[in-house]
Amino acid sequence: MSWVQIFRLGLVQACIGAVVVLMTATMNRVMVVELALPASVPGVLVALHFAVQLYLRPRLGHGSDAAGSRTPWIIGGMATLAAGGIGVALSIPVMAATPALGIALAAIAFVVLGAGVSAAGTPLLALISEHAHPWQRAGAAAVTWILMIVGFIITTATAGSLLDPFGFERLLMITVGVGAVAVAVTTLTLFGLERTLGERQAPEPIAASERGTAFKEALATVWGEPVARTFAVFVFVAMLAYSAQDLILEPFGGIAFGLTAGETTRLAGMQHGGVLVGMIVTAIIGARFGALRIWAAAGCAASSVMFVLLAVSPVFASVDTFRAIVFLLGLANGVFAIGAIGSMMALTGDAKDGRAGLRLGVYGAAQAVAYAVGVSVGGAGVDVARSLLGSPIRGYAAVFSVEAALFVVAAVLAYRSASTANAGDVVRTRGEMLAAVVNN
């Protein structure tokens, strides 16, 4: 697989991110601000789209394993994703008139959204895992996730500028436009790509009546592998630690340091900037030095240290110090992400048993459930800790401390289960690397 082909597949990931961020960011704001609904409503809906992935990611990944090509699954998944987004947009004016009916329709649409993410995202990562060279894995992980973040940025910036003045029809048009662009870009990007990559190993076709049993047996086989099971637990613990801060970091900045809404928004941008820097640096250095499990464990350990510093940051009484800690937290998260994603690709791509989609589905399910739980309990944890400790700042510090402990556990699990291969293994001289790229 050439770097151009990896970049093309990264564009598909960017399209997935573009549709999803419109649901989790823009629709979230519209429900809470324009419709004056409780914040728990979009929270539950977003958690629902993650929850359905617990079953659908492994199931649809297995389905793409058994198929002759992953391309139809990815394109079909993107179309389903776009349809789910449009369904959410259509439910918004119904919520304004009849909240209960609108929320019920939105719940159905978010289930469709989760199905689309599962059908498009899992076969996409399986395709990269199967065809990327081992020495490309760190870079492929970085390209894929950086382009997803770029999709976040472009979509939110464009939608934000087009959405004023707000109107239901305008919101629907933007959603339809983003979905149509995502499907078109995905179709054009994948055209002929899988055919040029060559044949892959796939299981023998099975009868329709036996497919459910075959899936259960295949899932039991994968879950029965100690490394796969431990790595799935690592993904769950690490993502639980990571996602719990998603909804509480900005409020903490406002309460502990008196930052304005604009300043805390820029704080989130600073954290994401740190993630990008961490990803890029790890991809560059990791292509030559260090096993993927070392990078994953080191990123988790560094994230733990940063959460401890966040917990005690009010003692420093310095906004600049607080911002530096947030940036370094993002940096550590970026390091852990590349090590984890690279390991995910290595553990699936090296197996050569025709179950890449199923394995990635299991890991993706662990990530989705962890994110749903983390987002849900992060804020609730702050409220509980605040009532017990008698201080909002102590409440936030308690949750950050729990996240630090979870990242310590994740570091140990990463060292035990993540890939022992170096990001730059199995090669090679520069001439051999260049020849491999040219030949592909």
Protein backbone atom coordinates (compact mmCIF):
# COMPACT_ATOMS: atom_id res chain seq x y z
CA MET A 1 0.00 0.00 0.00
CA SER A 2 1.41 3.36 -1.04
CA TRP A 3 1.16 6.51 1.05
CA VAL A 4 -1.19 7.97 -1.57
CA GLN A 5 -3.54 5.03 -1.05
CA ILE A 6 -3.31 5.44 2.73
CA PHE A 7 -4.17 9.13 2.31
CA ARG A 8 -7.18 8.20 0.16
CA LEU A 9 -8.48 5.87 2.86
CA GLY A 10 -7.81 8.61 5.42
CA LEU A 11 -10.18 10.85 3.46
CA VAL A 12 -12.92 8.29 4.07
CA GLN A 13 -12.23 8.49 7.80
CA ALA A 14 -12.45 12.29 7.49
CA CYS A 15 -15.90 11.89 5.90
CA ILE A 16 -17.05 9.68 8.79
CA GLY A 17 -15.81 12.30 11.23
CA ALA A 18 -17.55 15.09 9.31
CA VAL A 19 -21.00 13.53 9.63
CA VAL A 20 -20.54 12.37 13.23
CA VAL A 21 -19.26 15.71 14.55
CA LEU A 22 -22.28 17.45 13.07
CA MET A 23 -24.43 15.19 15.24
CA THR A 24 -22.38 15.34 18.44
CA ALA A 25 -21.55 19.07 18.30
CA THR A 26 -24.05 21.08 16.22
CA MET A 27 -27.17 19.02 16.96
CA ASN A 28 -26.19 18.88 20.63
CA ARG A 29 -26.04 22.68 20.80
CA VAL A 30 -29.35 23.09 18.91
CA MET A 31 -31.20 20.76 21.29
CA VAL A 32 -29.85 22.45 24.41
CA VAL A 33 -29.85 26.12 23.30
CA GLU A 34 -32.44 26.62 20.56
CA LEU A 35 -34.90 23.99 21.86
CA ALA A 36 -34.07 24.50 25.57
CA LEU A 37 -34.03 20.75 26.23
CA PRO A 38 -32.12 19.28 29.19
CA ALA A 39 -28.48 18.54 28.39
CA SER A 40 -29.13 14.91 29.28
CA VAL A 41 -31.26 14.48 26.14
CA PRO A 42 -28.45 14.83 23.57
CA GLY A 43 -26.15 13.06 26.02
CA VAL A 44 -28.37 9.97 26.05
CA LEU A 45 -28.81 10.11 22.27
CA VAL A 46 -25.07 10.27 21.65
CA ALA A 47 -24.52 7.44 24.14
CA LEU A 48 -27.15 5.42 22.24
CA HIS A 49 -25.22 5.72 18.98
CA PHE A 50 -22.15 4.38 20.79
CA ALA A 51 -24.08 1.62 22.57
CA VAL A 52 -25.42 -0.01 19.39
CA GLN A 53 -21.84 -0.36 18.18
CA LEU A 54 -21.21 -2.92 20.94
CA TYR A 55 -22.94 -5.51 18.76
CA LEU A 56 -22.81 -3.98 15.29
CA ARG A 57 -19.06 -3.37 15.01
CA PRO A 58 -18.08 -7.04 15.51
CA ARG A 59 -21.10 -8.28 13.52
CA LEU A 60 -20.57 -6.05 10.50
CA GLY A 61 -16.80 -6.46 10.66
CA HIS A 62 -17.36 -10.21 10.46
CA GLY A 63 -19.70 -9.69 7.53
CA SER A 64 -17.07 -7.73 5.62
CA ASP A 65 -14.54 -10.52 6.39
CA ALA A 66 -16.78 -13.05 4.69
CA ALA A 67 -17.45 -10.83 1.68
CA GLY A 68 -15.23 -10.71 -1.37
CA SER A 69 -14.72 -6.96 -1.05
CA ARG A 70 -14.87 -4.41 1.76
CA THR A 71 -15.62 -1.48 -0.55
CA PRO A 72 -19.43 -2.04 -0.78
CA TRP A 73 -19.59 -2.26 3.03
CA ILE A 74 -17.77 1.04 3.44
CA ILE A 75 -19.84 2.88 0.84
CA GLY A 76 -23.08 1.38 2.14
CA GLY A 77 -22.08 2.27 5.68
CA MET A 78 -21.38 5.86 4.66
CA ALA A 79 -24.78 6.10 2.98
CA THR A 80 -26.40 4.71 6.14
CA LEU A 81 -24.43 7.20 8.24
CA ALA A 82 -25.63 10.09 6.07
CA ALA A 83 -29.22 8.83 6.26
CA GLY A 84 -29.00 8.69 10.05
CA GLY A 85 -27.71 12.27 10.14
CA ILE A 86 -30.55 13.47 7.95
CA GLY A 87 -32.99 11.63 10.20
CA VAL A 88 -31.62 13.51 13.22
CA ALA A 89 -32.00 16.83 11.39
CA LEU A 90 -35.59 15.97 10.46
CA SER A 91 -36.38 15.15 14.09
CA ILE A 92 -35.31 18.59 15.35
CA PRO A 93 -38.42 20.58 14.22
CA VAL A 94 -40.59 17.72 15.49
CA MET A 95 -38.91 18.10 18.90
CA ALA A 96 -39.78 21.79 18.86
CA ALA A 97 -43.49 21.00 18.38
CA THR A 98 -43.82 17.64 20.18
CA PRO A 99 -40.71 16.90 22.27
CA ALA A 100 -41.54 13.28 23.11
CA LEU A 101 -42.20 12.30 19.49
CA GLY A 102 -39.15 14.21 18.24
CA ILE A 103 -36.86 12.56 20.78
CA ALA A 104 -38.22 9.12 19.84
CA LEU A 105 -37.54 9.82 16.15
CA ALA A 106 -34.07 11.12 17.00
CA ALA A 107 -33.36 7.94 18.98
CA ILE A 108 -34.15 5.84 15.89
CA ALA A 109 -31.95 8.10 13.77
CA PHE A 110 -29.05 7.81 16.23
CA VAL A 111 -29.33 4.00 16.08
CA VAL A 112 -29.06 4.27 12.28
CA LEU A 113 -26.10 6.59 12.80
CA GLY A 114 -24.35 4.00 14.97
CA ALA A 115 -25.02 1.33 12.34
CA GLY A 116 -23.46 3.54 9.68
CA VAL A 117 -20.34 4.20 11.74
CA SER A 118 -19.97 0.45 12.36
CA ALA A 119 -20.49 -0.54 8.72
CA ALA A 120 -18.16 2.10 7.30
CA GLY A 121 -15.46 2.47 9.96
CA THR A 122 -14.71 -1.17 10.84
CA PRO A 123 -14.14 -2.49 7.27
CA LEU A 124 -12.14 0.66 6.51
CA LEU A 125 -9.65 0.01 9.31
CA ALA A 126 -9.55 -3.67 8.38
CA LEU A 127 -8.61 -2.72 4.83
CA ILE A 128 -5.73 -0.56 6.07
CA SER A 129 -4.58 -3.20 8.56
CA GLU A 130 -4.46 -5.93 5.94
CA HIS A 131 -2.53 -4.00 3.30
CA ALA A 132 -0.33 -1.46 5.09
CA HIS A 133 3.33 -2.50 5.49
CA PRO A 134 4.40 -2.97 9.13
CA TRP A 135 6.73 0.02 8.87
CA GLN A 136 3.78 2.16 7.72
CA ARG A 137 1.48 1.42 10.64
CA ALA A 138 2.40 4.33 12.90
CA GLY A 139 2.22 6.72 9.96
CA ALA A 140 -1.04 5.20 8.68
CA ALA A 141 -2.59 5.58 12.12
CA ALA A 142 -1.48 9.22 12.24
CA VAL A 143 -2.73 10.01 8.72
CA THR A 144 -6.11 8.37 9.35
CA TRP A 145 -6.81 10.08 12.66
CA ILE A 146 -5.36 13.45 11.70
CA LEU A 147 -7.61 13.55 8.65
CA MET A 148 -10.56 12.63 10.88
CA ILE A 149 -9.76 15.62 13.09
CA VAL A 150 -9.43 17.76 9.96
CA GLY A 151 -12.92 16.56 9.02
CA PHE A 152 -14.12 17.72 12.45
CA ILE A 153 -12.56 21.14 12.00
CA ILE A 154 -13.75 21.78 8.43
CA THR A 155 -17.30 20.63 9.14
CA THR A 156 -17.79 22.59 12.34
CA ALA A 157 -16.28 25.73 10.84
CA THR A 158 -18.34 25.50 7.64
CA ALA A 159 -21.58 24.53 9.36
CA GLY A 160 -21.07 27.28 11.95
CA SER A 161 -20.76 29.94 9.27
CA LEU A 162 -23.72 28.67 7.23
CA LEU A 163 -26.06 28.10 10.16
CA ASP A 164 -26.50 31.81 11.01
CA PRO A 165 -29.24 32.91 11.09
CA PHE A 166 -30.55 29.64 12.52
CA GLY A 167 -33.49 27.88 10.93
CA PHE A 168 -34.72 24.30 10.73
CA GLU A 169 -34.63 24.25 6.93
CA ARG A 170 -31.10 25.64 6.91
CA LEU A 171 -30.01 22.97 9.40
CA LEU A 172 -31.51 20.23 7.22
CA MET A 173 -29.85 21.60 4.06
CA ILE A 174 -26.44 21.67 5.76
CA THR A 175 -26.89 18.09 7.00
CA VAL A 176 -27.97 16.86 3.57
CA GLY A 177 -25.03 18.67 2.00
CA VAL A 178 -22.47 17.19 4.39
CA GLY A 179 -23.94 13.70 3.94
CA ALA A 180 -23.98 13.97 0.15
CA VAL A 181 -20.38 15.18 0.04
CA ALA A 182 -19.31 12.39 2.39
CA VAL A 183 -20.93 9.68 0.24
CA ALA A 184 -19.57 11.19 -3.01
CA VAL A 185 -16.01 11.57 -1.69
CA THR A 186 -16.07 8.04 -0.25
CA THR A 187 -17.29 6.54 -3.53
CA LEU A 188 -14.74 8.40 -5.65
CA THR A 189 -11.91 7.70 -3.20
CA LEU A 190 -12.56 3.95 -3.09
CA PHE A 191 -13.13 3.55 -6.83
CA GLY A 192 -10.76 0.82 -8.04
CA LEU A 193 -8.56 1.08 -4.93
CA GLU A 194 -9.25 -2.30 -3.37
CA ARG A 195 -8.79 -4.04 -6.73
CA THR A 196 -5.31 -2.57 -7.12
CA LEU A 197 -4.35 -3.75 -3.63
CA GLY A 198 -4.81 -7.38 -4.65
CA GLU A 199 -6.65 -10.32 -3.19
CA ARG A 200 -6.94 -10.89 0.53
CA GLN A 201 -7.57 -13.99 2.56
CA ALA A 202 -11.22 -14.48 3.36
CA PRO A 203 -13.22 -17.34 4.88
CA GLU A 204 -15.20 -19.69 2.67
CA PRO A 205 -18.78 -18.53 1.92
CA ILE A 206 -21.34 -19.94 4.34
CA ALA A 207 -25.04 -20.61 4.03
CA ALA A 208 -27.40 -17.89 5.20
CA SER A 209 -28.90 -20.23 7.81
CA GLU A 210 -25.48 -20.78 9.37
CA ARG A 211 -24.24 -17.19 9.42
CA GLY A 212 -25.43 -16.39 12.96
CA THR A 213 -23.77 -19.51 14.35
CA ALA A 214 -20.60 -18.83 12.34
CA PHE A 215 -20.41 -15.31 13.76
CA LYS A 216 -20.82 -16.56 17.33
CA GLU A 217 -18.14 -19.19 16.83
CA ALA A 218 -15.73 -16.74 15.21
CA LEU A 219 -16.35 -14.20 17.98
CA ALA A 220 -15.73 -16.87 20.62
CA THR A 221 -12.49 -17.82 18.88
CA VAL A 222 -11.21 -14.24 18.81
CA TRP A 223 -12.31 -13.53 22.39
CA GLY A 224 -10.64 -16.75 23.47
CA GLU A 225 -7.23 -15.41 22.40
CA PRO A 226 -5.52 -14.00 25.52
CA VAL A 227 -3.77 -11.20 23.64
CA ALA A 228 -6.93 -10.09 21.80
CA ARG A 229 -8.99 -10.19 25.00
CA THR A 230 -6.40 -8.27 27.03
CA PHE A 231 -5.98 -5.69 24.28
CA ALA A 232 -9.76 -5.15 24.14
CA VAL A 233 -9.75 -4.56 27.91
CA PHE A 234 -6.86 -2.12 27.45
CA VAL A 235 -8.82 -0.21 24.81
CA PHE A 236 -11.84 -0.03 27.13
CA VAL A 237 -9.87 1.19 30.16
CA ALA A 238 -7.79 3.71 28.18
CA MET A 239 -10.80 5.17 26.36
CA LEU A 240 -12.80 5.30 29.60
CA ALA A 241 -10.00 7.35 31.15
CA TYR A 242 -9.72 9.55 28.07
CA SER A 243 -13.42 10.22 27.47
CA ALA A 244 -14.38 11.01 31.08
CA GLN A 245 -12.72 14.42 30.80
CA ASP A 246 -14.48 15.32 27.55
CA LEU A 247 -17.37 17.23 29.12
CA ILE A 248 -15.69 18.44 32.32
CA LEU A 249 -12.35 20.00 31.31
CA GLU A 250 -13.83 23.25 30.00
CA PRO A 251 -16.17 23.77 32.97
CA PHE A 252 -13.21 23.10 35.28
CA GLY A 253 -11.26 25.88 33.55
CA GLY A 254 -14.13 28.27 34.15
CA ILE A 255 -14.71 27.33 37.80
CA ALA A 256 -11.09 26.93 38.93
CA PHE A 257 -9.46 29.73 36.90
CA GLY A 258 -12.33 32.05 35.94
CA LEU A 259 -11.87 31.51 32.20
CA THR A 260 -14.59 32.82 29.90
CA ALA A 261 -16.55 30.63 27.48
CA GLY A 262 -14.35 31.80 24.60
CA GLU A 263 -11.19 31.08 26.58
CA THR A 264 -12.28 27.56 27.49
CA THR A 265 -13.22 26.90 23.85
CA ARG A 266 -9.69 27.92 22.83
CA LEU A 267 -8.44 25.67 25.63
CA ALA A 268 -10.10 22.70 23.92
CA GLY A 269 -8.43 23.73 20.68
CA MET A 270 -5.09 23.82 22.50
CA GLN A 271 -5.65 20.28 23.75
CA HIS A 272 -6.51 19.02 20.27
CA GLY A 273 -3.42 20.79 18.97
CA GLY A 274 -1.38 18.83 21.49
CA VAL A 275 -2.99 15.60 20.28
CA LEU A 276 -2.00 16.39 16.70
CA VAL A 277 1.57 17.21 17.69
CA GLY A 278 1.79 13.99 19.73
CA MET A 279 0.48 11.95 16.81
CA ILE A 280 2.84 13.49 14.27
CA VAL A 281 5.94 13.25 16.46
CA THR A 282 5.17 9.64 17.43
CA ALA A 283 4.52 8.67 13.82
CA ILE A 284 7.85 10.15 12.72
CA ILE A 285 10.00 8.84 15.59
CA GLY A 286 8.03 5.61 15.99
CA ALA A 287 8.73 4.67 12.39
CA ARG A 288 12.35 4.07 13.48
CA PHE A 289 12.48 3.48 17.21
CA GLY A 290 10.56 1.60 19.87
CA ALA A 291 7.93 -1.11 19.95
CA LEU A 292 4.33 -0.04 19.51
CA ARG A 293 3.49 -1.30 22.99
CA ILE A 294 6.18 0.97 24.46
CA TRP A 295 4.64 4.01 22.77
CA ALA A 296 1.14 3.02 23.89
CA ALA A 297 2.24 2.39 27.49
CA ALA A 298 4.36 5.55 27.60
CA GLY A 299 1.48 7.67 26.32
CA CYS A 300 -0.85 6.21 28.97
CA ALA A 301 1.72 6.78 31.74
CA ALA A 302 2.30 10.37 30.63
CA SER A 303 -1.46 10.96 30.46
CA SER A 304 -1.73 9.72 34.06
CA VAL A 305 0.89 12.24 35.18
CA MET A 306 -0.94 15.05 33.38
CA PHE A 307 -4.23 14.19 35.08
CA VAL A 308 -2.52 14.31 38.46
CA LEU A 309 -1.17 17.76 37.57
CA LEU A 310 -4.66 18.82 36.46
CA ALA A 311 -6.04 17.73 39.82
CA VAL A 312 -3.54 19.90 41.71
CA SER A 313 -3.37 22.74 39.15
CA PRO A 314 -5.52 25.16 41.24
CA VAL A 315 -2.70 25.13 43.82
CA PHE A 316 -0.40 26.77 41.24
CA ALA A 317 -2.94 29.61 40.73
CA SER A 318 -1.51 30.17 37.25
CA VAL A 319 -3.60 30.14 34.08
CA ASP A 320 -0.49 29.75 31.94
CA THR A 321 0.56 26.67 33.91
CA PHE A 322 -2.94 25.25 33.56
CA ARG A 323 -2.89 25.80 29.79
CA ALA A 324 0.53 24.17 29.53
CA ILE A 325 -0.76 21.12 31.41
CA VAL A 326 -3.76 20.87 29.05
CA PHE A 327 -1.48 21.04 26.01
CA LEU A 328 0.83 18.37 27.45
CA LEU A 329 -2.20 16.21 28.23
CA GLY A 330 -3.16 16.39 24.57
CA LEU A 331 0.43 15.57 23.60
CA ALA A 332 0.43 12.47 25.83
CA ASN A 333 -2.97 11.42 24.45
CA GLY A 334 -1.60 11.68 20.91
CA VAL A 335 1.35 9.44 21.77
CA PHE A 336 -0.93 6.82 23.34
CA ALA A 337 -3.34 7.00 20.39
CA ILE A 338 -0.69 6.22 17.77
CA GLY A 339 0.75 3.37 19.83
CA ALA A 340 -2.73 1.94 20.39
CA ILE A 341 -3.99 2.33 16.82
CA GLY A 342 -0.72 1.03 15.38
CA SER A 343 -0.96 -1.98 17.70
CA MET A 344 -4.55 -2.51 16.63
CA MET A 345 -3.45 -2.63 13.00
CA ALA A 346 -0.54 -4.95 13.80
CA LEU A 347 -2.60 -7.39 15.86
CA THR A 348 -5.21 -7.64 13.10
CA GLY A 349 -3.00 -7.40 10.02
CA ASP A 350 -0.45 -9.97 11.23
CA ALA A 351 -3.04 -12.62 12.16
CA LYS A 352 -3.66 -13.63 8.52
CA ASP A 353 -6.73 -15.67 9.44
CA GLY A 354 -9.38 -13.73 7.55
CA ARG A 355 -10.85 -12.16 10.71
CA ALA A 356 -9.41 -8.63 10.53
CA GLY A 357 -12.87 -7.04 10.42
CA LEU A 358 -14.11 -9.08 13.38
CA ARG A 359 -11.03 -8.27 15.48
CA LEU A 360 -11.30 -4.57 14.74
CA GLY A 361 -15.01 -4.80 15.47
CA VAL A 362 -14.28 -6.19 18.93
CA TYR A 363 -11.75 -3.42 19.62
CA GLY A 364 -14.09 -0.80 18.17
CA ALA A 365 -16.94 -2.06 20.34
CA ALA A 366 -14.75 -1.75 23.44
CA GLN A 367 -13.87 1.81 22.45
CA ALA A 368 -17.47 2.81 21.72
CA VAL A 369 -18.85 1.43 24.98
CA ALA A 370 -16.02 3.02 26.97
CA TYR A 371 -16.71 6.38 25.35
CA ALA A 372 -20.43 6.14 26.06
CA VAL A 373 -19.78 5.26 29.70
CA GLY A 374 -17.01 7.86 30.11
CA VAL A 375 -19.07 10.73 28.73
CA SER A 376 -22.03 9.70 30.86
CA VAL A 377 -20.22 9.23 34.18
CA GLY A 378 -17.69 12.06 33.90
CA GLY A 379 -20.14 14.79 34.73
CA ALA A 380 -22.10 12.63 37.16
CA GLY A 381 -18.86 11.77 38.95
CA VAL A 382 -18.08 15.45 39.42
CA ASP A 383 -21.54 16.06 40.91
CA VAL A 384 -21.24 13.14 43.33
CA ALA A 385 -17.69 14.01 44.38
CA ARG A 386 -18.63 17.67 44.80
CA SER A 387 -21.53 16.79 47.13
CA LEU A 388 -19.31 14.46 49.17
CA LEU A 389 -16.28 16.75 49.34
CA GLY A 390 -18.15 20.04 49.66
CA SER A 391 -16.27 21.82 46.87
CA PRO A 392 -16.69 21.88 43.07
CA ILE A 393 -12.92 22.12 42.56
CA ARG A 394 -12.37 19.09 44.78
CA GLY A 395 -15.07 17.28 42.81
CA TYR A 396 -13.23 17.85 39.54
CA ALA A 397 -9.91 16.92 41.18
CA ALA A 398 -11.40 13.63 42.37
CA VAL A 399 -12.53 12.67 38.85
CA PHE A 400 -9.15 13.66 37.38
CA SER A 401 -7.47 11.48 40.02
CA VAL A 402 -9.64 8.50 39.03
CA GLU A 403 -8.71 9.08 35.39
CA ALA A 404 -5.03 9.14 36.37
CA ALA A 405 -5.43 5.78 38.10
CA LEU A 406 -7.24 4.32 35.08
CA PHE A 407 -4.40 5.41 32.80
CA VAL A 408 -1.89 3.64 35.08
CA VAL A 409 -3.90 0.44 34.65
CA ALA A 410 -4.07 1.10 30.89
CA ALA A 411 -0.28 1.50 30.73
CA VAL A 412 0.21 -1.92 32.32
CA LEU A 413 -2.35 -3.52 30.00
CA ALA A 414 -0.75 -1.85 26.96
CA TYR A 415 2.66 -3.22 27.85
CA ARG A 416 1.20 -6.70 28.24
CA SER A 417 -1.10 -6.79 25.21
CA ALA A 418 -0.12 -4.21 22.57
CA SER A 419 2.02 -5.25 19.63
CA THR A 420 5.66 -6.10 20.40
CA ALA A 421 6.63 -5.14 16.85
CA ASN A 422 8.49 -1.93 16.21
CA ALA A 423 6.62 0.61 14.14
CA GLY A 424 9.48 0.41 11.66
CA ASP A 425 9.97 -3.36 11.78
CA VAL A 426 10.62 -5.79 8.95
CA VAL A 427 12.46 -3.39 6.82
CA ARG A 428 14.82 -2.32 5.53
CA THR A 429 16.95 0.09 3.78
CA ARG A 430 15.65 3.33 2.33
CA GLY A 431 15.95 1.76 -1.12
CA GLU A 432 13.78 -1.20 -0.13
CA MET A 433 11.20 1.11 1.42
CA LEU A 434 11.06 3.22 -1.76
CA ALA A 435 10.76 0.12 -3.92
CA ALA A 436 7.89 -1.17 -1.80
CA VAL A 437 6.00 2.10 -2.16
CA VAL A 438 6.59 2.31 -5.93
CA ASN A 439 5.56 -1.31 -6.50
CA ASN A 440 2.30 -0.73 -4.70
